[in-house]
N, C-alpha and C. Protein backbone atom coordinates (compact mmCIF):
# COMPACT_ATOMS: atom_id res chain seq x y z
N UNK A 1 -4.07 -31.44 27.20
CA UNK A 1 -3.15 -30.33 27.08
C UNK A 1 -3.94 -29.10 26.67
N UNK A 2 -3.72 -28.01 27.36
CA UNK A 2 -4.40 -26.77 27.05
C UNK A 2 -3.45 -25.85 26.29
N UNK A 3 -3.97 -25.29 25.22
CA UNK A 3 -3.19 -24.35 24.42
C UNK A 3 -3.84 -22.99 24.55
N UNK A 4 -3.09 -22.02 24.96
CA UNK A 4 -3.65 -20.68 25.08
C UNK A 4 -3.42 -19.90 23.79
N UNK A 5 -4.43 -19.16 23.43
CA UNK A 5 -4.33 -18.34 22.22
C UNK A 5 -3.61 -17.04 22.56
N UNK A 6 -2.77 -16.63 21.66
CA UNK A 6 -2.06 -15.37 21.83
C UNK A 6 -2.75 -14.35 20.94
N UNK A 7 -3.19 -13.27 21.56
CA UNK A 7 -3.80 -12.22 20.78
C UNK A 7 -2.72 -11.25 20.34
N UNK A 8 -2.64 -11.05 19.05
CA UNK A 8 -1.67 -10.12 18.51
C UNK A 8 -2.40 -8.85 18.10
N UNK A 9 -1.88 -7.74 18.53
CA UNK A 9 -2.46 -6.47 18.15
C UNK A 9 -1.62 -5.90 17.02
N UNK A 10 -2.24 -5.69 15.88
CA UNK A 10 -1.54 -5.14 14.74
C UNK A 10 -1.49 -3.62 14.90
N UNK A 11 -0.30 -3.04 14.85
CA UNK A 11 -0.20 -1.59 14.97
C UNK A 11 -0.85 -0.91 13.76
N UNK A 12 -1.07 0.37 13.86
CA UNK A 12 -1.65 1.12 12.75
C UNK A 12 -0.59 2.05 12.17
N UNK A 13 -0.83 2.46 10.95
CA UNK A 13 0.07 3.40 10.28
C UNK A 13 -0.20 4.80 10.81
N UNK A 14 0.88 5.54 11.05
CA UNK A 14 0.73 6.93 11.49
C UNK A 14 1.37 7.92 10.54
N UNK A 15 2.19 7.43 9.61
CA UNK A 15 2.77 8.31 8.60
C UNK A 15 3.23 7.47 7.42
N UNK A 16 3.28 8.11 6.26
CA UNK A 16 3.68 7.44 5.02
C UNK A 16 4.61 8.37 4.26
N UNK A 17 5.67 7.82 3.70
CA UNK A 17 6.52 8.58 2.79
C UNK A 17 6.94 7.66 1.66
N UNK A 18 7.16 8.27 0.51
CA UNK A 18 7.49 7.49 -0.69
C UNK A 18 8.65 8.17 -1.41
N UNK A 19 9.66 7.37 -1.72
CA UNK A 19 10.77 7.85 -2.54
C UNK A 19 10.62 7.22 -3.92
N UNK A 20 11.59 7.42 -4.76
CA UNK A 20 11.54 6.85 -6.12
C UNK A 20 11.49 5.33 -6.11
N UNK A 21 12.01 4.70 -5.03
CA UNK A 21 12.06 3.24 -5.03
C UNK A 21 11.59 2.57 -3.74
N UNK A 22 11.08 3.36 -2.78
CA UNK A 22 10.71 2.79 -1.48
C UNK A 22 9.42 3.37 -0.93
N UNK A 23 8.60 2.49 -0.36
CA UNK A 23 7.42 2.89 0.40
C UNK A 23 7.79 2.72 1.87
N UNK A 24 7.68 3.81 2.63
CA UNK A 24 8.01 3.77 4.06
C UNK A 24 6.75 4.08 4.86
N UNK A 25 6.47 3.24 5.84
CA UNK A 25 5.29 3.42 6.68
C UNK A 25 5.72 3.39 8.14
N UNK A 26 5.42 4.47 8.84
CA UNK A 26 5.71 4.54 10.27
C UNK A 26 4.51 3.98 11.03
N UNK A 27 4.78 3.09 11.99
CA UNK A 27 3.71 2.43 12.74
C UNK A 27 3.57 3.00 14.15
N UNK A 28 2.40 2.79 14.70
CA UNK A 28 2.08 3.31 16.04
C UNK A 28 2.93 2.70 17.14
N UNK A 29 3.57 1.57 16.88
CA UNK A 29 4.42 0.94 17.91
C UNK A 29 5.88 1.36 17.80
N UNK A 30 6.16 2.34 16.93
CA UNK A 30 7.51 2.86 16.79
C UNK A 30 8.32 2.27 15.65
N UNK A 31 7.84 1.21 15.03
CA UNK A 31 8.57 0.62 13.91
C UNK A 31 8.38 1.45 12.65
N UNK A 32 9.36 1.34 11.77
CA UNK A 32 9.29 1.94 10.45
C UNK A 32 9.47 0.81 9.45
N UNK A 33 8.48 0.59 8.62
CA UNK A 33 8.58 -0.45 7.59
C UNK A 33 8.98 0.20 6.27
N UNK A 34 9.92 -0.41 5.60
CA UNK A 34 10.35 0.04 4.28
C UNK A 34 10.27 -1.15 3.35
N UNK A 35 9.55 -0.97 2.25
CA UNK A 35 9.42 -2.04 1.27
C UNK A 35 9.70 -1.47 -0.12
N UNK A 36 10.15 -2.31 -1.03
CA UNK A 36 10.42 -1.83 -2.39
C UNK A 36 9.14 -1.32 -3.04
N UNK A 37 9.22 -0.17 -3.68
CA UNK A 37 8.07 0.37 -4.38
C UNK A 37 7.64 -0.59 -5.49
N UNK A 38 8.58 -1.37 -6.00
CA UNK A 38 8.28 -2.34 -7.06
C UNK A 38 7.22 -3.35 -6.63
N UNK A 39 6.99 -3.51 -5.32
CA UNK A 39 5.94 -4.39 -4.85
C UNK A 39 4.56 -3.89 -5.24
N UNK A 40 4.45 -2.60 -5.56
CA UNK A 40 3.16 -1.98 -5.87
C UNK A 40 3.28 -1.24 -7.21
N UNK A 41 3.06 -1.98 -8.31
CA UNK A 41 3.28 -1.42 -9.65
C UNK A 41 2.51 -0.12 -9.92
N UNK A 42 1.33 0.02 -9.35
CA UNK A 42 0.59 1.26 -9.59
C UNK A 42 1.32 2.46 -8.99
N UNK A 43 1.97 2.25 -7.86
CA UNK A 43 2.76 3.33 -7.26
C UNK A 43 4.00 3.62 -8.10
N UNK A 44 4.58 2.57 -8.69
CA UNK A 44 5.75 2.75 -9.55
C UNK A 44 5.39 3.64 -10.74
N UNK A 45 4.21 3.44 -11.32
CA UNK A 45 3.80 4.18 -12.51
C UNK A 45 3.14 5.51 -12.19
N UNK A 46 3.04 5.85 -10.93
CA UNK A 46 2.37 7.09 -10.52
C UNK A 46 3.31 8.28 -10.60
N UNK A 47 2.70 9.45 -10.72
CA UNK A 47 3.46 10.69 -10.63
C UNK A 47 3.74 10.97 -9.15
N UNK A 48 4.71 11.79 -8.85
CA UNK A 48 4.94 12.15 -7.44
C UNK A 48 3.68 12.73 -6.79
N UNK A 49 2.93 13.52 -7.52
CA UNK A 49 1.70 14.10 -6.98
C UNK A 49 0.70 12.99 -6.63
N UNK A 50 0.54 12.01 -7.52
CA UNK A 50 -0.38 10.90 -7.25
C UNK A 50 0.09 10.07 -6.05
N UNK A 51 1.38 9.85 -5.96
CA UNK A 51 1.92 9.08 -4.83
C UNK A 51 1.66 9.77 -3.50
N UNK A 52 1.71 11.09 -3.51
CA UNK A 52 1.53 11.84 -2.28
C UNK A 52 0.07 12.11 -1.95
N UNK A 53 -0.84 11.69 -2.80
CA UNK A 53 -2.27 11.88 -2.56
C UNK A 53 -2.84 10.60 -1.95
N UNK A 54 -2.49 10.35 -0.71
CA UNK A 54 -2.95 9.15 0.00
C UNK A 54 -3.73 9.56 1.24
N UNK A 55 -4.47 8.58 1.78
CA UNK A 55 -5.18 8.79 3.05
C UNK A 55 -5.23 7.46 3.78
N UNK A 56 -5.33 7.55 5.11
CA UNK A 56 -5.47 6.34 5.90
C UNK A 56 -6.88 5.80 5.77
N UNK A 57 -7.01 4.49 5.81
CA UNK A 57 -8.32 3.84 5.85
C UNK A 57 -8.35 2.96 7.09
N UNK A 58 -9.54 2.76 7.63
CA UNK A 58 -9.68 1.92 8.82
C UNK A 58 -8.88 2.43 10.00
N UNK A 59 -8.85 3.75 10.18
CA UNK A 59 -8.10 4.37 11.29
C UNK A 59 -6.62 3.98 11.30
N UNK A 60 -6.06 3.84 10.11
CA UNK A 60 -4.64 3.52 10.00
C UNK A 60 -4.34 2.06 9.74
N UNK A 61 -5.38 1.24 9.55
CA UNK A 61 -5.15 -0.17 9.23
C UNK A 61 -4.63 -0.34 7.81
N UNK A 62 -4.80 0.69 7.01
CA UNK A 62 -4.33 0.64 5.64
C UNK A 62 -4.17 2.03 5.06
N UNK A 63 -3.67 2.06 3.83
CA UNK A 63 -3.44 3.31 3.11
C UNK A 63 -4.13 3.19 1.76
N UNK A 64 -4.77 4.29 1.35
CA UNK A 64 -5.50 4.29 0.08
C UNK A 64 -5.02 5.45 -0.79
N UNK A 65 -4.77 5.15 -2.06
CA UNK A 65 -4.44 6.15 -3.06
C UNK A 65 -5.62 6.25 -4.02
N UNK A 66 -6.41 7.28 -3.86
CA UNK A 66 -7.63 7.47 -4.66
C UNK A 66 -7.33 7.53 -6.16
N UNK A 67 -6.33 8.33 -6.54
CA UNK A 67 -6.01 8.51 -7.96
C UNK A 67 -5.56 7.22 -8.64
N UNK A 68 -5.06 6.29 -7.85
CA UNK A 68 -4.49 5.06 -8.40
C UNK A 68 -5.34 3.83 -8.14
N UNK A 69 -6.40 3.98 -7.36
CA UNK A 69 -7.23 2.86 -6.94
C UNK A 69 -6.37 1.76 -6.32
N UNK A 70 -5.51 2.18 -5.39
CA UNK A 70 -4.57 1.26 -4.74
C UNK A 70 -4.77 1.30 -3.23
N UNK A 71 -4.79 0.13 -2.63
CA UNK A 71 -4.89 -0.01 -1.18
C UNK A 71 -3.77 -0.91 -0.70
N UNK A 72 -3.14 -0.51 0.41
CA UNK A 72 -2.09 -1.31 1.04
C UNK A 72 -2.44 -1.42 2.52
N UNK A 73 -2.47 -2.66 3.03
CA UNK A 73 -2.80 -2.85 4.44
C UNK A 73 -1.53 -2.98 5.27
N UNK A 74 -1.60 -2.50 6.50
CA UNK A 74 -0.48 -2.66 7.43
C UNK A 74 -0.22 -4.14 7.67
N UNK A 75 -1.28 -4.90 7.82
CA UNK A 75 -1.12 -6.34 8.04
C UNK A 75 -0.37 -7.00 6.88
N UNK A 76 -0.69 -6.61 5.66
CA UNK A 76 0.01 -7.14 4.49
C UNK A 76 1.48 -6.74 4.47
N UNK A 77 1.75 -5.48 4.84
CA UNK A 77 3.14 -5.03 4.92
C UNK A 77 3.92 -5.84 5.94
N UNK A 78 3.32 -6.04 7.12
CA UNK A 78 3.98 -6.80 8.17
C UNK A 78 4.23 -8.25 7.75
N UNK A 79 3.34 -8.78 6.92
CA UNK A 79 3.48 -10.16 6.45
C UNK A 79 4.42 -10.26 5.24
N UNK A 80 4.87 -9.12 4.73
CA UNK A 80 5.77 -9.13 3.57
C UNK A 80 5.07 -9.44 2.27
N UNK A 81 3.80 -9.06 2.17
CA UNK A 81 3.03 -9.35 0.96
C UNK A 81 3.08 -8.19 -0.01
N UNK A 82 3.47 -8.49 -1.23
CA UNK A 82 3.44 -7.50 -2.30
C UNK A 82 2.03 -7.43 -2.87
N UNK A 83 1.83 -6.53 -3.80
CA UNK A 83 0.54 -6.40 -4.46
C UNK A 83 0.12 -7.73 -5.08
N UNK A 84 -1.14 -8.05 -4.95
CA UNK A 84 -1.65 -9.28 -5.54
C UNK A 84 -2.28 -9.06 -6.91
N UNK A 85 -2.07 -7.87 -7.46
CA UNK A 85 -2.68 -7.56 -8.75
C UNK A 85 -2.05 -8.40 -9.86
N UNK A 86 -2.90 -8.94 -10.72
CA UNK A 86 -2.41 -9.75 -11.82
C UNK A 86 -1.81 -8.86 -12.91
N UNK A 87 -0.95 -9.45 -13.73
CA UNK A 87 -0.36 -8.71 -14.85
C UNK A 87 -1.44 -8.24 -15.82
N UNK A 88 -2.45 -9.05 -15.99
CA UNK A 88 -3.55 -8.69 -16.89
C UNK A 88 -4.28 -7.44 -16.38
N UNK A 89 -4.56 -7.42 -15.08
CA UNK A 89 -5.23 -6.28 -14.49
C UNK A 89 -4.36 -5.02 -14.58
N UNK A 90 -3.07 -5.16 -14.31
CA UNK A 90 -2.16 -4.03 -14.39
C UNK A 90 -2.09 -3.49 -15.81
N UNK A 91 -2.00 -4.37 -16.79
CA UNK A 91 -1.94 -3.93 -18.19
C UNK A 91 -3.20 -3.18 -18.58
N UNK A 92 -4.35 -3.67 -18.12
CA UNK A 92 -5.62 -3.00 -18.40
C UNK A 92 -5.64 -1.61 -17.76
N UNK A 93 -5.17 -1.52 -16.52
CA UNK A 93 -5.12 -0.25 -15.82
C UNK A 93 -4.18 0.73 -16.53
N UNK A 94 -3.01 0.24 -16.93
CA UNK A 94 -2.04 1.10 -17.63
C UNK A 94 -2.59 1.58 -18.96
N UNK A 95 -3.28 0.71 -19.69
CA UNK A 95 -3.86 1.11 -20.99
C UNK A 95 -4.91 2.19 -20.77
N UNK A 96 -5.77 2.02 -19.78
CA UNK A 96 -6.79 3.03 -19.49
C UNK A 96 -6.13 4.33 -19.06
N UNK A 97 -5.08 4.22 -18.29
CA UNK A 97 -4.35 5.39 -17.81
C UNK A 97 -3.74 6.16 -18.97
N UNK A 98 -3.16 5.43 -19.92
CA UNK A 98 -2.55 6.07 -21.10
C UNK A 98 -3.59 6.82 -21.93
N UNK A 99 -4.84 6.33 -21.89
CA UNK A 99 -5.92 6.97 -22.64
C UNK A 99 -6.61 8.07 -21.84
N UNK A 100 -6.18 8.23 -20.59
CA UNK A 100 -6.78 9.25 -19.75
C UNK A 100 -8.10 8.87 -19.15
N UNK A 101 -8.39 7.56 -19.08
CA UNK A 101 -9.64 7.07 -18.54
C UNK A 101 -9.45 6.81 -17.05
N UNK A 102 -10.36 7.33 -16.23
CA UNK A 102 -10.30 7.08 -14.78
C UNK A 102 -10.79 5.66 -14.53
N UNK A 103 -9.98 4.86 -13.78
CA UNK A 103 -10.32 3.44 -13.58
C UNK A 103 -10.87 3.13 -12.22
N UNK A 104 -11.00 4.10 -11.36
CA UNK A 104 -11.53 3.80 -10.02
C UNK A 104 -12.98 4.18 -9.91
């Protein structure tokens, strides 16, 4: 029996918007993904200015927030994966943030 492999092409991000509770990513194939901002605690704790200071990485394969040292991949969004950051890491980041220490 022969099994043929199916090649899946992952679309890229072409736009990003963030509300108080939602991360929205527009994809090159016309889809719009909306996920709870709570999936990304660093974005939850960010100021509106920090949230809006993003750039595409990998020609749209992901999104990077320099001020927050946060990366989100389109593939992860499509798979429904929330941030994999541990509570310990988040607490350390928040403590450094409260002291005004840059963590990236």
